[in-house]
N, C-alpha and C. Protein backbone atom coordinates (compact mmCIF):
# COMPACT_ATOMS: atom_id res chain seq x y z
N UNK A 1 113.20 176.38 26.61
CA UNK A 1 113.26 174.33 26.43
C UNK A 1 111.76 173.56 26.08
N UNK A 2 111.78 172.73 25.67
CA UNK A 2 110.51 171.71 26.07
C UNK A 2 111.31 170.41 26.80
N UNK A 3 109.85 170.00 26.91
CA UNK A 3 110.32 168.17 27.30
C UNK A 3 109.60 167.44 26.66
N UNK A 4 110.54 166.08 27.99
CA UNK A 4 110.56 164.75 26.78
C UNK A 4 109.04 164.49 25.56
N UNK A 5 109.35 164.05 24.44
CA UNK A 5 108.34 164.07 23.43
C UNK A 5 107.59 162.64 24.54
N UNK A 6 106.69 163.38 23.48
CA UNK A 6 104.74 162.46 23.74
C UNK A 6 104.88 161.32 23.32
N UNK A 7 105.03 159.62 24.41
CA UNK A 7 104.35 158.80 23.24
C UNK A 7 103.54 158.82 22.65
N UNK A 8 103.13 157.37 22.20
CA UNK A 8 102.61 157.17 21.70
C UNK A 8 100.86 156.13 22.40
N UNK A 9 99.41 156.80 22.02
CA UNK A 9 98.86 155.54 23.23
C UNK A 9 98.60 154.44 23.07
N UNK A 10 98.04 153.07 23.76
CA UNK A 10 98.31 151.76 23.74
C UNK A 10 97.00 152.00 22.72
N UNK A 11 96.95 150.97 21.57
CA UNK A 11 95.23 151.16 21.15
C UNK A 11 95.89 148.97 21.35
N UNK A 12 94.67 148.80 22.20
CA UNK A 12 94.64 147.48 22.68
C UNK A 12 93.63 147.54 23.53
N UNK A 13 92.43 145.89 23.34
CA UNK A 13 91.43 146.25 24.62
C UNK A 13 91.04 144.85 23.64
N UNK A 14 90.16 143.76 25.00
CA UNK A 14 90.17 142.54 23.92
C UNK A 14 89.15 142.82 23.25
N UNK A 15 89.16 141.47 22.29
CA UNK A 15 88.34 140.82 21.60
C UNK A 15 89.52 141.30 19.35
N UNK A 16 90.31 142.29 19.96
CA UNK A 16 91.19 142.55 18.92
C UNK A 16 91.68 141.17 17.43
N UNK A 17 91.65 141.63 16.28
CA UNK A 17 91.89 140.77 16.07
C UNK A 17 94.13 140.54 15.83
N UNK A 18 93.88 141.47 15.71
CA UNK A 18 95.51 141.45 15.49
C UNK A 18 95.59 142.94 15.95
N UNK A 19 97.18 143.07 16.42
CA UNK A 19 97.28 143.81 17.41
C UNK A 19 99.25 144.17 16.87
N UNK A 20 99.42 145.00 16.40
CA UNK A 20 100.40 145.39 15.68
C UNK A 20 101.82 146.08 16.80
N UNK A 21 102.61 145.32 16.36
CA UNK A 21 104.07 145.69 17.80
C UNK A 21 105.25 146.32 17.05
N UNK A 22 105.66 147.34 17.55
CA UNK A 22 106.31 147.50 17.78
C UNK A 22 107.20 148.48 18.05
N UNK A 23 108.89 148.57 18.38
CA UNK A 23 109.80 148.76 19.20
C UNK A 23 110.20 149.92 20.20
N UNK A 24 109.16 150.58 19.46
CA UNK A 24 108.85 151.88 19.56
C UNK A 24 108.53 153.51 18.83
N UNK A 25 108.03 154.77 19.71
CA UNK A 25 107.55 154.82 19.00
C UNK A 25 109.25 156.29 18.11
N UNK A 26 109.09 156.27 16.73
CA UNK A 26 109.98 156.91 16.03
C UNK A 26 109.13 159.35 16.21
N UNK A 27 110.44 158.99 16.21
CA UNK A 27 110.06 160.65 17.38
C UNK A 27 109.31 161.12 16.12
N UNK A 28 109.49 161.31 14.42
CA UNK A 28 108.46 161.96 14.16
C UNK A 28 107.50 161.68 14.19
N UNK A 29 106.83 159.88 14.31
CA UNK A 29 105.58 159.66 14.29
C UNK A 29 105.16 159.85 15.76
N UNK A 30 106.58 159.82 16.99
CA UNK A 30 105.48 161.02 18.21
C UNK A 30 104.63 162.48 18.41
N UNK A 31 105.55 163.02 17.24
CA UNK A 31 105.16 164.39 16.32
C UNK A 31 104.31 164.72 16.55
N UNK A 32 104.36 163.33 15.56
CA UNK A 32 102.69 163.41 14.63
C UNK A 32 101.50 162.40 15.26
N UNK A 33 102.01 162.04 16.39
CA UNK A 33 100.82 161.99 17.12
C UNK A 33 100.31 160.14 16.62
N UNK A 34 100.27 159.51 15.51
CA UNK A 34 100.34 158.24 15.23
C UNK A 34 100.85 157.54 14.81
N UNK A 35 100.86 156.04 14.78
CA UNK A 35 101.47 154.65 14.60
C UNK A 35 102.86 154.37 12.87
N UNK A 36 103.28 154.90 12.73
CA UNK A 36 103.65 154.69 11.25
C UNK A 36 104.03 155.81 10.51
N UNK A 37 103.92 157.19 11.18
CA UNK A 37 103.65 157.96 10.46
C UNK A 37 104.29 159.27 9.07
N UNK A 38 105.64 158.21 9.79
CA UNK A 38 106.66 158.55 8.14
C UNK A 38 106.64 158.31 7.22
N UNK A 39 106.30 159.10 5.30
CA UNK A 39 106.23 158.24 4.17
C UNK A 39 107.01 156.92 3.84
N UNK A 40 108.73 157.34 4.33
CA UNK A 40 109.45 156.71 4.13
C UNK A 40 108.89 154.88 4.40
N UNK A 41 108.37 155.18 5.43
CA UNK A 41 107.77 153.32 6.67
C UNK A 41 106.21 152.84 5.47
N UNK A 42 107.24 152.02 5.21
CA UNK A 42 105.92 151.48 3.77
C UNK A 42 104.48 150.17 5.14
N UNK A 43 104.71 150.59 6.23
CA UNK A 43 103.37 149.88 6.49
C UNK A 43 102.18 150.09 6.24
N UNK A 44 101.92 151.34 5.75
CA UNK A 44 100.28 152.27 5.40
C UNK A 44 100.03 150.92 4.29
N UNK A 45 100.71 151.67 3.38
CA UNK A 45 100.84 151.11 1.80
C UNK A 45 100.73 150.06 1.65
N UNK A 46 101.49 148.78 2.68
CA UNK A 46 101.39 147.00 3.25
C UNK A 46 100.15 146.96 3.76
N UNK A 47 99.64 147.30 4.95
CA UNK A 47 98.71 147.33 5.85
C UNK A 47 97.52 147.42 5.42
N UNK A 48 97.32 147.81 3.53
CA UNK A 48 96.16 148.38 2.62
C UNK A 48 96.23 147.39 1.65
N UNK A 49 97.56 146.55 0.92
CA UNK A 49 97.31 146.42 -0.30
C UNK A 49 97.29 144.70 1.06
N UNK A 50 97.30 144.05 2.10
CA UNK A 50 96.98 143.30 2.75
C UNK A 50 96.20 141.50 2.88
N UNK A 51 94.69 143.33 2.40
CA UNK A 51 93.84 142.30 2.06
C UNK A 51 93.01 142.61 4.27
N UNK A 52 94.05 142.66 4.54
CA UNK A 52 92.96 143.06 6.31
C UNK A 52 92.23 143.95 6.73
N UNK A 53 91.76 144.66 5.33
CA UNK A 53 91.42 146.10 5.66
C UNK A 53 89.97 145.36 4.90
N UNK A 54 89.44 146.27 4.93
CA UNK A 54 87.97 146.98 4.07
C UNK A 54 87.54 147.94 3.62
N UNK A 55 89.27 148.69 3.89
CA UNK A 55 88.78 150.06 2.76
C UNK A 55 90.86 150.81 3.25
N UNK A 56 90.28 151.61 1.85
CA UNK A 56 92.43 151.68 2.61
C UNK A 56 92.44 152.56 4.00
N UNK A 57 93.29 152.81 4.37
CA UNK A 57 94.09 153.54 5.73
C UNK A 57 95.07 154.58 5.67
N UNK A 58 94.73 155.45 6.35
CA UNK A 58 96.54 155.90 6.14
C UNK A 58 97.07 156.14 8.00
N UNK A 59 97.37 157.04 8.79
CA UNK A 59 98.57 156.78 10.36
C UNK A 59 97.45 157.84 10.41
N UNK A 60 96.09 158.87 9.75
CA UNK A 60 94.83 159.32 11.11
C UNK A 60 93.85 157.77 11.80
N UNK A 61 94.53 157.19 10.58
CA UNK A 61 93.09 156.07 11.36
C UNK A 61 93.76 155.68 12.41
N UNK A 62 94.74 155.03 12.76
CA UNK A 62 95.32 153.87 13.61
C UNK A 62 93.92 153.91 15.33
N UNK A 63 93.68 155.13 15.22
CA UNK A 63 92.82 154.30 16.05
C UNK A 63 91.02 154.02 16.15
N UNK A 64 90.74 154.24 15.12
CA UNK A 64 89.52 154.11 14.46
C UNK A 64 89.29 153.07 13.24
N UNK A 65 90.82 152.04 13.94
CA UNK A 65 91.40 150.67 13.09
C UNK A 65 90.88 150.12 14.12
N UNK A 66 90.74 149.46 15.48
CA UNK A 66 90.37 148.81 16.51
C UNK A 66 88.51 148.59 16.70
N UNK A 67 88.06 150.22 15.56
CA UNK A 67 86.77 149.33 16.80
C UNK A 67 85.91 148.57 14.91
N UNK A 68 86.82 149.84 13.28
CA UNK A 68 86.54 149.65 12.30
C UNK A 68 87.34 148.47 11.42
N UNK A 69 87.89 147.59 11.60
CA UNK A 69 89.08 146.74 11.48
C UNK A 69 89.36 145.54 13.23
N UNK A 70 89.28 145.40 13.91
CA UNK A 70 89.81 144.88 14.65
C UNK A 70 91.47 144.61 15.41
N UNK A 71 92.93 146.28 14.85
CA UNK A 71 93.57 146.03 14.38
C UNK A 71 94.31 147.07 15.52
N UNK A 72 94.64 147.45 16.77
CA UNK A 72 95.20 148.25 17.55
C UNK A 72 96.67 147.97 17.06
N UNK A 73 97.58 148.60 18.25
CA UNK A 73 99.42 149.33 17.58
C UNK A 73 99.02 149.46 19.53
N UNK A 74 100.93 148.76 19.39
CA UNK A 74 101.61 148.63 20.95
C UNK A 74 102.67 149.38 20.80
N UNK A 75 103.57 149.48 21.45
CA UNK A 75 105.27 149.63 20.61
C UNK A 75 105.94 148.46 22.24
N UNK A 76 107.24 148.27 21.90
CA UNK A 76 107.50 147.33 23.22
C UNK A 76 108.36 148.09 24.56
N UNK A 77 108.22 149.52 23.95
CA UNK A 77 108.26 149.73 24.48
C UNK A 77 108.36 151.93 24.35
N UNK A 78 108.05 152.95 25.50
CA UNK A 78 107.06 154.42 25.11
C UNK A 78 107.79 154.96 24.03
N UNK A 79 109.06 155.30 25.15
CA UNK A 79 109.87 157.01 24.32
C UNK A 79 110.02 156.59 22.90
N UNK A 80 110.14 157.36 22.20
CA UNK A 80 110.03 157.61 21.39
C UNK A 80 111.86 157.81 20.88
N UNK A 81 112.70 157.70 20.55
CA UNK A 81 113.84 157.60 19.79
C UNK A 81 113.60 158.33 18.15
N UNK A 82 115.38 158.16 17.50
CA UNK A 82 115.51 158.73 16.21
C UNK A 82 115.41 157.32 16.28
N UNK A 83 116.48 156.07 16.21
CA UNK A 83 116.77 154.55 16.21
C UNK A 83 116.02 153.41 16.98
N UNK A 84 116.38 152.03 16.56
CA UNK A 84 115.68 151.30 17.99
C UNK A 84 116.93 150.84 18.82
N UNK A 85 118.30 151.49 17.97
CA UNK A 85 118.80 151.38 19.24
C UNK A 85 119.28 152.11 20.40
N UNK A 86 118.54 152.97 20.52
CA UNK A 86 118.73 154.30 21.84
C UNK A 86 118.63 153.65 22.45
N UNK A 87 117.46 152.27 22.68
CA UNK A 87 116.67 152.67 23.51
C UNK A 87 118.06 151.24 24.61
N UNK A 88 117.43 151.38 25.72
CA UNK A 88 118.04 151.04 27.33
C UNK A 88 117.76 149.02 27.27
N UNK A 89 118.48 148.68 27.37
CA UNK A 89 118.50 146.70 28.30
C UNK A 89 117.47 147.01 29.14
N UNK A 90 117.94 147.86 29.45
CA UNK A 90 116.73 147.74 30.77
C UNK A 90 114.62 148.21 30.66
N UNK A 91 115.45 149.41 29.35
CA UNK A 91 114.24 149.75 29.24
C UNK A 91 113.46 148.65 27.75
N UNK A 92 114.82 147.45 27.76
CA UNK A 92 113.91 146.44 26.51
C UNK A 92 113.00 145.34 27.27
N UNK A 93 114.25 144.72 28.72
CA UNK A 93 113.12 144.02 29.23
C UNK A 93 112.06 144.71 30.26
N UNK A 94 111.90 145.92 30.26
CA UNK A 94 110.97 146.28 31.83
C UNK A 94 109.64 146.74 30.55
N UNK A 95 109.87 146.84 29.54
CA UNK A 95 109.09 147.04 28.54
C UNK A 95 108.42 145.61 27.82
N UNK A 96 109.26 144.88 27.23
CA UNK A 96 108.84 142.79 27.38
C UNK A 96 107.75 142.52 28.07
N UNK A 97 108.06 142.94 30.20
CA UNK A 97 107.33 142.73 30.19
C UNK A 97 105.49 143.00 30.70
N UNK A 98 106.05 144.69 30.63
CA UNK A 98 104.52 144.70 30.49
C UNK A 98 103.93 144.56 29.47
N UNK A 99 104.37 144.25 27.83
CA UNK A 99 104.07 143.91 26.98
C UNK A 99 103.05 142.63 26.85
N UNK A 100 103.62 141.69 27.51
CA UNK A 100 103.45 139.97 28.32
C UNK A 100 101.99 140.87 28.95
N UNK A 101 102.93 141.79 29.99
CA UNK A 101 100.82 141.44 30.84
C UNK A 101 99.61 141.81 30.26
N UNK A 102 100.31 143.00 28.90
CA UNK A 102 99.15 144.03 27.86
C UNK A 102 98.18 142.43 27.15
N UNK A 103 99.16 142.11 27.01
CA UNK A 103 98.54 141.24 25.63
C UNK A 103 97.10 139.14 26.25
N UNK A 104 98.15 139.54 27.65
CA UNK A 104 97.80 138.62 29.10
C UNK A 104 96.17 138.79 28.91
N UNK A 105 96.39 140.07 29.59
CA UNK A 105 94.42 140.92 29.39
C UNK A 105 94.01 140.80 28.58
N UNK A 106 94.13 141.36 27.42
CA UNK A 106 94.06 141.33 26.30
C UNK A 106 92.93 140.34 25.43
N UNK A 107 94.07 139.70 25.32
CA UNK A 107 94.11 138.66 23.94
C UNK A 107 93.57 139.03 23.29
N UNK A 108 94.67 139.98 21.61
CA UNK A 108 94.31 139.90 20.63
C UNK A 108 94.53 138.47 20.26
N UNK A 109 93.90 138.10 18.72
CA UNK A 109 94.10 136.75 18.35
C UNK A 109 94.98 136.66 18.18
N UNK A 110 96.30 137.51 17.58
CA UNK A 110 97.27 137.82 16.28
C UNK A 110 98.16 138.97 17.03
N UNK A 111 99.41 138.68 17.91
CA UNK A 111 100.09 139.16 17.67
C UNK A 111 101.85 139.81 17.47
N UNK A 112 101.90 140.92 16.79
CA UNK A 112 101.94 140.95 15.30
C UNK A 112 103.12 141.52 15.22
N UNK A 113 104.75 140.97 15.85
CA UNK A 113 105.91 141.54 16.01
C UNK A 113 106.06 142.30 14.55
N UNK A 114 106.40 142.96 14.92
CA UNK A 114 107.20 144.33 13.47
C UNK A 114 108.50 144.34 13.32
N UNK A 115 109.14 142.84 13.35
CA UNK A 115 110.62 143.03 13.60
C UNK A 115 110.97 141.64 13.85
N UNK A 116 111.49 141.27 13.46
CA UNK A 116 111.88 139.54 14.52
C UNK A 116 112.46 140.12 15.53
N UNK A 117 113.49 141.12 15.23
CA UNK A 117 114.89 141.81 16.70
C UNK A 117 113.24 141.62 17.36
N UNK A 118 111.96 142.32 17.69
CA UNK A 118 111.20 142.58 18.47
C UNK A 118 110.76 141.45 19.50
N UNK A 119 110.45 140.35 18.39
CA UNK A 119 110.37 139.32 19.26
C UNK A 119 111.13 138.46 20.14
N UNK A 120 112.04 138.68 19.30
CA UNK A 120 113.32 138.12 20.35
C UNK A 120 113.52 138.40 21.42
N UNK A 121 112.89 139.93 21.11
CA UNK A 121 114.26 140.64 23.08
C UNK A 121 112.84 140.01 23.52
N UNK A 122 111.61 139.58 22.74
CA UNK A 122 109.73 140.17 24.16
C UNK A 122 110.34 138.12 24.52
N UNK A 123 110.74 137.38 23.59
CA UNK A 123 110.59 136.33 23.76
C UNK A 123 111.67 135.75 24.98
N UNK A 124 112.88 136.05 24.69
CA UNK A 124 113.18 136.34 25.68
C UNK A 124 113.16 137.37 27.37
N UNK A 125 112.88 137.95 27.38
CA UNK A 125 112.83 138.66 28.39
C UNK A 125 111.77 138.52 29.53
N UNK A 126 110.62 137.85 27.85
CA UNK A 126 109.19 138.22 28.75
C UNK A 126 108.40 136.22 28.44
N UNK A 127 109.21 135.77 28.31
CA UNK A 127 108.36 134.73 27.76
C UNK A 127 110.15 132.84 28.22
N UNK A 128 111.23 134.15 28.68
CA UNK A 128 112.40 133.13 29.28
C UNK A 128 112.79 132.16 28.02
N UNK A 129 112.64 132.19 26.95
CA UNK A 129 113.48 132.41 26.33
C UNK A 129 114.71 132.23 25.70
N UNK A 130 115.45 130.42 25.67
CA UNK A 130 117.51 131.74 25.64
C UNK A 130 117.69 131.82 23.84
N UNK A 131 118.69 132.57 23.38
CA UNK A 131 118.95 132.89 22.81
C UNK A 131 118.82 131.72 21.51
N UNK A 132 119.65 131.31 22.34
CA UNK A 132 119.61 130.20 20.73
C UNK A 132 118.44 129.00 20.56
N UNK A 133 116.94 129.20 21.47
CA UNK A 133 115.88 128.17 21.11
C UNK A 133 115.58 129.50 20.19
N UNK A 134 115.93 131.31 20.11
CA UNK A 134 114.80 131.26 19.16
C UNK A 134 115.40 131.55 17.44
N UNK A 135 117.15 131.35 17.64
CA UNK A 135 118.13 131.59 16.11
C UNK A 135 117.23 130.35 14.73
N UNK A 136 117.63 131.03 13.56
CA UNK A 136 116.87 130.99 12.58
C UNK A 136 115.16 130.06 12.48
N UNK A 137 114.63 130.61 13.13
CA UNK A 137 113.84 130.71 13.50
C UNK A 137 112.95 131.37 11.66
N UNK A 138 111.68 130.39 10.74
CA UNK A 138 111.29 131.68 10.06
C UNK A 138 110.59 133.39 10.54
N UNK A 139 110.24 133.33 9.51
CA UNK A 139 108.91 134.15 10.28
C UNK A 139 107.02 133.85 10.25
N UNK A 140 106.29 135.03 10.87
CA UNK A 140 105.05 134.94 9.84
C UNK A 140 104.71 133.35 11.58
N UNK A 141 103.80 132.75 11.55
CA UNK A 141 103.85 132.10 13.45
C UNK A 141 104.28 131.34 14.48
N UNK A 142 104.45 131.51 15.20
CA UNK A 142 105.57 131.30 16.60
C UNK A 142 105.12 130.13 17.14
N UNK A 143 105.91 129.14 17.66
CA UNK A 143 105.16 128.11 18.17
C UNK A 143 104.43 128.61 20.12
N UNK A 144 104.92 129.57 20.48
CA UNK A 144 104.51 129.96 21.79
C UNK A 144 103.71 130.72 21.27
N UNK A 145 102.68 130.27 22.62
CA UNK A 145 101.07 130.72 22.75
C UNK A 145 101.34 132.22 24.48
N UNK A 146 100.82 133.30 23.87
CA UNK A 146 100.27 134.35 25.14
C UNK A 146 98.49 134.10 25.03
N UNK A 147 98.35 132.69 26.59
CA UNK A 147 97.30 132.31 26.26
C UNK A 147 96.95 132.22 24.63
N UNK A 148 95.25 132.71 24.62
CA UNK A 148 95.41 132.92 22.99
C UNK A 148 95.69 133.69 22.25
N UNK A 149 96.67 133.88 22.22
CA UNK A 149 97.39 135.15 20.94
C UNK A 149 98.57 134.81 20.91
N UNK A 150 98.05 134.03 19.75
CA UNK A 150 98.74 133.11 18.41
C UNK A 150 100.54 134.61 18.19
N UNK A 151 101.45 134.45 18.26
CA UNK A 151 102.63 135.07 18.29
C UNK A 151 103.29 135.17 16.34
N UNK A 152 102.93 136.02 15.67
CA UNK A 152 102.86 136.52 14.50
C UNK A 152 104.43 137.75 13.84
N UNK A 153 105.41 136.87 13.08
CA UNK A 153 106.43 137.69 13.11
C UNK A 153 106.49 138.13 12.17
N UNK A 154 106.84 139.64 11.08
CA UNK A 154 106.96 139.69 9.82
C UNK A 154 107.90 140.73 10.42
N UNK A 155 108.83 140.88 8.85
CA UNK A 155 109.95 142.44 8.99
C UNK A 155 109.18 143.62 8.86
N UNK A 156 110.15 144.13 9.78
CA UNK A 156 110.56 145.47 9.65
C UNK A 156 109.84 146.33 8.43
N UNK A 157 108.52 147.05 8.69
CA UNK A 157 108.53 147.60 7.74
C UNK A 157 109.64 149.54 7.85
N UNK A 158 109.92 149.84 8.47
CA UNK A 158 110.70 151.04 7.91
C UNK A 158 111.37 151.05 7.54
N UNK A 159 112.17 151.94 6.55
CA UNK A 159 113.17 152.70 5.42
C UNK A 159 113.92 151.56 5.60
N UNK A 160 114.40 151.48 6.39
CA UNK A 160 115.85 150.88 7.11
C UNK A 160 116.20 149.34 6.93
N UNK A 161 114.34 149.25 6.53
CA UNK A 161 114.13 146.92 5.80
C UNK A 161 113.80 146.86 5.11
N UNK A 162 114.67 147.51 4.02
CA UNK A 162 113.45 148.53 2.16
C UNK A 162 114.47 146.24 1.96
N UNK A 163 114.79 146.16 2.30
CA UNK A 163 115.35 144.53 1.20
C UNK A 163 114.16 143.84 1.29
N UNK A 164 113.58 143.80 2.41
CA UNK A 164 112.38 142.54 3.26
C UNK A 164 110.69 143.32 2.32
N UNK A 165 110.37 144.06 1.93
CA UNK A 165 109.24 144.72 1.59
C UNK A 165 108.14 143.21 1.17
N UNK A 166 109.53 143.08 0.13
CA UNK A 166 107.74 141.38 -0.45
C UNK A 166 107.60 140.58 0.81
N UNK A 167 108.58 139.47 1.10
CA UNK A 167 108.48 138.92 2.49
C UNK A 167 107.27 139.78 3.14
N UNK A 168 107.47 140.65 3.62
CA UNK A 168 106.25 141.67 4.35
C UNK A 168 105.26 141.05 4.04
N UNK A 169 105.15 141.97 2.53
CA UNK A 169 104.11 141.58 1.68
C UNK A 169 102.60 140.22 1.32
N UNK A 170 104.08 139.25 1.37
CA UNK A 170 103.38 138.05 1.39
C UNK A 170 102.99 137.33 2.93
N UNK A 171 103.50 137.95 4.19
CA UNK A 171 103.05 138.01 5.05
C UNK A 171 102.24 137.71 6.36
N UNK A 172 101.95 139.57 5.62
CA UNK A 172 100.84 139.93 6.08
C UNK A 172 98.99 139.49 5.35
N UNK A 173 99.80 139.30 4.05
CA UNK A 173 98.30 139.16 3.36
C UNK A 173 98.57 137.20 3.30
N UNK A 174 99.31 136.24 4.39
CA UNK A 174 99.06 135.53 4.57
C UNK A 174 98.22 135.56 5.85
N UNK A 175 98.45 136.29 6.91
CA UNK A 175 97.60 136.49 7.87
C UNK A 175 96.62 136.65 7.54
N UNK A 176 95.93 137.89 6.52
CA UNK A 176 94.56 138.28 6.39
C UNK A 176 93.69 136.55 5.87
N UNK A 177 94.72 135.70 5.16
CA UNK A 177 94.04 134.95 4.86
C UNK A 177 93.73 133.79 6.21
N UNK A 178 94.66 133.69 6.82
CA UNK A 178 94.17 132.84 8.46
C UNK A 178 93.23 133.42 9.20
N UNK A 179 92.92 135.31 9.51
CA UNK A 179 91.78 135.13 10.48
C UNK A 179 90.21 135.46 9.13
N UNK A 180 90.79 135.71 7.25
CA UNK A 180 89.94 135.67 7.04
C UNK A 180 88.93 137.14 6.27
N UNK A 181 87.71 137.17 5.78
CA UNK A 181 87.67 138.76 4.96
C UNK A 181 87.24 139.91 6.06
N UNK A 182 88.46 140.53 6.20
CA UNK A 182 88.12 141.95 6.72
C UNK A 182 86.09 142.47 6.94
N UNK A 183 86.26 143.19 8.63
CA UNK A 183 85.05 143.36 8.48
C UNK A 183 84.09 144.11 8.34
N UNK A 184 82.99 144.26 7.52
CA UNK A 184 83.13 145.54 6.35
C UNK A 184 82.99 147.23 6.90
N UNK A 185 83.47 147.79 6.39
CA UNK A 185 83.52 149.28 6.68
C UNK A 185 82.99 149.98 7.16
N UNK A 186 82.77 151.25 7.77
CA UNK A 186 81.57 151.40 8.52
C UNK A 186 81.80 153.19 7.78
N UNK A 187 82.82 153.70 6.85
CA UNK A 187 83.81 154.21 6.09
C UNK A 187 83.66 154.03 5.27
N UNK A 188 83.50 154.47 3.88
CA UNK A 188 84.05 154.67 2.79
C UNK A 188 84.83 155.21 1.75
């Protein structure tokens, strides 16, 4: 009998341009040991098309992008599941507070929430905003600030959210424009 799956490491430190925030690791990604590892997830394809990177990257590059492009990765909750709706309310509330602490400590320029629901949970549990204050908001830059960190919401890259792929890519391209050119790649 095997034990629980290992979670993914948090790739977050001071000085990052962006940290991408997911709900929690998918079981497939936890087994692979990399963020957004499943081919049906368009995360890497769209990141490569966005203008945020100086060279194409894939799941195996998740750790190296901190040095190479100033991009990190964390999840709201560490427990791997098949679907995010398997997370408990306590896991979400605790994860939101833990994420707030991580963002306050590390201060990336942008905290990119990969799914509106992730930001709603975070804002309600960590920032104390009522659900009504979050209803009807557009994706992109959010009005709250976490120190100097700007929250930025994009639709989920999951295969379950395929109808928002074009909007997600447009928002990633807009973020690339806000940040300016990516740092030159040390790899070709």
